[in-house]
């Protein structure tokens, strides 16, 4: 197994600015979107849903319909 996945294992230890690369930020954003949709019991307007998600992910930005 280690021979087959050697390159991927070595790449997992790559650092940028002293920190290892991982996908935890993306997983966190995906989880926030899932919670928004679940708590809303389903949105009917796609544009409004999109704007709500974008606002919740970054409240400093502004979005219009």
N, C-alpha and C. Protein backbone atom coordinates (compact mmCIF):
# COMPACT_ATOMS: atom_id res chain seq x y z
N UNK A 1 0.81 -1.18 0.00
CA UNK A 1 0.00 0.00 0.00
C UNK A 1 0.87 1.26 0.00
N UNK A 2 1.91 1.26 0.81
CA UNK A 2 2.77 2.43 0.89
C UNK A 2 3.47 2.71 -0.43
N UNK A 3 3.82 1.67 -1.17
CA UNK A 3 4.45 1.86 -2.47
C UNK A 3 3.48 2.48 -3.47
N UNK A 4 2.22 2.05 -3.44
CA UNK A 4 1.22 2.57 -4.38
C UNK A 4 0.88 4.03 -4.10
N UNK A 5 0.84 4.42 -2.83
CA UNK A 5 0.39 5.77 -2.45
C UNK A 5 1.54 6.65 -1.97
N UNK A 6 2.77 6.28 -2.29
CA UNK A 6 3.95 7.00 -1.79
C UNK A 6 3.90 8.49 -2.12
N UNK A 7 3.62 8.83 -3.37
CA UNK A 7 3.62 10.24 -3.79
C UNK A 7 2.56 11.04 -3.04
N UNK A 8 1.36 10.49 -2.89
CA UNK A 8 0.30 11.20 -2.18
C UNK A 8 0.63 11.38 -0.70
N UNK A 9 1.24 10.36 -0.10
CA UNK A 9 1.61 10.47 1.31
C UNK A 9 2.68 11.53 1.51
N UNK A 10 3.68 11.56 0.64
CA UNK A 10 4.74 12.56 0.73
C UNK A 10 4.16 13.96 0.52
N UNK A 11 3.24 14.10 -0.43
CA UNK A 11 2.63 15.41 -0.69
C UNK A 11 1.79 15.89 0.49
N UNK A 12 1.28 14.99 1.32
CA UNK A 12 0.46 15.40 2.46
C UNK A 12 1.29 16.13 3.52
N UNK A 13 2.61 16.02 3.46
CA UNK A 13 3.47 16.70 4.40
C UNK A 13 4.03 18.01 3.86
N UNK A 14 3.60 18.42 2.68
CA UNK A 14 4.04 19.68 2.09
C UNK A 14 3.52 20.85 2.93
N UNK A 15 4.37 21.84 3.18
CA UNK A 15 3.95 22.99 3.97
C UNK A 15 4.05 24.26 3.14
N UNK A 16 3.14 25.18 3.42
CA UNK A 16 3.16 26.51 2.83
C UNK A 16 3.03 27.49 3.98
N UNK A 17 3.98 28.40 4.09
CA UNK A 17 4.02 29.35 5.21
C UNK A 17 4.01 28.64 6.56
N UNK A 18 4.65 27.49 6.65
CA UNK A 18 4.76 26.77 7.90
C UNK A 18 3.54 25.95 8.28
N UNK A 19 2.53 25.85 7.42
CA UNK A 19 1.33 25.08 7.72
C UNK A 19 1.11 24.02 6.66
N UNK A 20 0.63 22.85 7.11
CA UNK A 20 0.34 21.78 6.17
C UNK A 20 -0.94 22.08 5.40
N UNK A 21 -0.99 21.61 4.18
CA UNK A 21 -2.15 21.81 3.32
C UNK A 21 -3.21 20.76 3.68
N UNK A 22 -4.47 21.22 3.85
CA UNK A 22 -5.56 20.27 4.07
C UNK A 22 -6.85 20.89 3.55
N UNK A 23 -7.93 20.15 3.62
CA UNK A 23 -9.19 20.63 3.08
C UNK A 23 -10.19 20.99 4.17
N UNK A 24 -9.72 21.28 5.36
CA UNK A 24 -10.63 21.56 6.48
C UNK A 24 -11.45 22.82 6.25
N UNK A 25 -10.91 23.83 5.59
CA UNK A 25 -11.66 25.07 5.34
C UNK A 25 -12.84 24.80 4.42
N UNK A 26 -12.61 24.05 3.36
CA UNK A 26 -13.67 23.71 2.41
C UNK A 26 -14.72 22.84 3.07
N UNK A 27 -14.30 21.88 3.88
CA UNK A 27 -15.26 21.02 4.58
C UNK A 27 -16.13 21.85 5.52
N UNK A 28 -15.54 22.84 6.17
CA UNK A 28 -16.30 23.70 7.07
C UNK A 28 -17.35 24.51 6.30
N UNK A 29 -16.96 25.06 5.16
CA UNK A 29 -17.90 25.83 4.33
C UNK A 29 -19.05 24.95 3.83
N UNK A 30 -18.73 23.73 3.40
CA UNK A 30 -19.76 22.81 2.93
C UNK A 30 -20.73 22.47 4.05
N UNK A 31 -20.22 22.28 5.25
CA UNK A 31 -21.08 21.97 6.40
C UNK A 31 -22.00 23.15 6.72
N UNK A 32 -21.49 24.37 6.63
CA UNK A 32 -22.33 25.56 6.88
C UNK A 32 -23.46 25.64 5.86
N UNK A 33 -23.18 25.35 4.61
CA UNK A 33 -24.21 25.37 3.57
C UNK A 33 -25.26 24.30 3.84
N UNK A 34 -24.81 23.11 4.23
CA UNK A 34 -25.76 22.04 4.54
C UNK A 34 -26.67 22.43 5.69
N UNK A 35 -26.11 23.07 6.72
CA UNK A 35 -26.91 23.49 7.87
C UNK A 35 -27.92 24.56 7.48
N UNK A 36 -27.51 25.50 6.62
CA UNK A 36 -28.43 26.55 6.16
C UNK A 36 -29.62 25.96 5.43
N UNK A 37 -29.37 25.06 4.53
CA UNK A 37 -30.44 24.46 3.74
C UNK A 37 -31.34 23.60 4.64
N UNK A 38 -30.74 22.87 5.57
CA UNK A 38 -31.52 22.03 6.47
C UNK A 38 -32.41 22.87 7.38
N UNK A 39 -31.87 23.93 7.95
CA UNK A 39 -32.64 24.77 8.87
C UNK A 39 -33.72 25.57 8.17
N UNK A 40 -33.58 25.80 6.88
CA UNK A 40 -34.57 26.58 6.13
C UNK A 40 -35.73 25.71 5.65
N UNK A 41 -35.63 24.41 5.83
CA UNK A 41 -36.65 23.47 5.34
C UNK A 41 -36.85 23.62 3.84
N UNK A 42 -35.79 23.94 3.14
CA UNK A 42 -35.84 24.05 1.68
C UNK A 42 -36.19 25.46 1.25
N UNK A 43 -35.43 26.00 0.35
CA UNK A 43 -35.70 27.31 -0.22
C UNK A 43 -36.44 27.13 -1.54
N UNK A 44 -37.29 28.09 -1.89
CA UNK A 44 -38.01 27.99 -3.15
C UNK A 44 -37.42 28.91 -4.21
N UNK A 45 -36.74 29.96 -3.81
CA UNK A 45 -36.17 30.92 -4.74
C UNK A 45 -34.65 30.72 -4.78
N UNK A 46 -34.13 30.31 -5.95
CA UNK A 46 -32.71 29.99 -6.05
C UNK A 46 -31.84 31.22 -5.82
N UNK A 47 -32.20 32.38 -6.41
CA UNK A 47 -31.38 33.58 -6.25
C UNK A 47 -31.29 33.99 -4.79
N UNK A 48 -32.40 33.91 -4.09
CA UNK A 48 -32.40 34.26 -2.67
C UNK A 48 -31.58 33.26 -1.86
N UNK A 49 -31.67 32.00 -2.21
CA UNK A 49 -30.89 30.97 -1.54
C UNK A 49 -29.40 31.22 -1.74
N UNK A 50 -29.02 31.49 -2.98
CA UNK A 50 -27.62 31.75 -3.30
C UNK A 50 -27.10 32.95 -2.53
N UNK A 51 -27.86 34.04 -2.51
CA UNK A 51 -27.44 35.24 -1.80
C UNK A 51 -27.34 35.00 -0.30
N UNK A 52 -28.25 34.23 0.25
CA UNK A 52 -28.21 33.93 1.68
C UNK A 52 -26.96 33.13 2.02
N UNK A 53 -26.64 32.15 1.20
CA UNK A 53 -25.44 31.33 1.44
C UNK A 53 -24.19 32.20 1.33
N UNK A 54 -24.10 33.03 0.30
CA UNK A 54 -22.93 33.88 0.14
C UNK A 54 -22.79 34.87 1.29
N UNK A 55 -23.91 35.39 1.76
CA UNK A 55 -23.87 36.33 2.89
C UNK A 55 -23.39 35.63 4.16
N UNK A 56 -23.90 34.43 4.41
CA UNK A 56 -23.52 33.71 5.63
C UNK A 56 -22.06 33.28 5.60
N UNK A 57 -21.54 33.00 4.42
CA UNK A 57 -20.13 32.60 4.32
C UNK A 57 -19.20 33.79 4.47
N UNK A 58 -19.64 35.00 4.05
CA UNK A 58 -18.83 36.19 4.18
C UNK A 58 -19.73 37.41 4.38
N UNK A 59 -20.09 37.74 5.62
CA UNK A 59 -21.03 38.82 5.89
C UNK A 59 -20.50 40.22 5.53
N UNK A 60 -19.22 40.37 5.24
CA UNK A 60 -18.68 41.67 4.87
C UNK A 60 -18.99 42.05 3.43
N UNK A 61 -19.33 41.09 2.59
CA UNK A 61 -19.67 41.35 1.20
C UNK A 61 -21.16 41.67 1.08
N UNK A 62 -21.53 42.31 -0.02
CA UNK A 62 -22.92 42.59 -0.29
C UNK A 62 -23.33 41.89 -1.58
N UNK A 63 -24.57 41.43 -1.61
CA UNK A 63 -25.09 40.71 -2.77
C UNK A 63 -26.48 41.23 -3.06
N UNK A 64 -26.83 41.34 -4.32
CA UNK A 64 -28.15 41.82 -4.69
C UNK A 64 -28.84 40.80 -5.59
N UNK A 65 -30.17 40.90 -5.65
CA UNK A 65 -30.95 39.99 -6.50
C UNK A 65 -30.91 40.40 -7.92
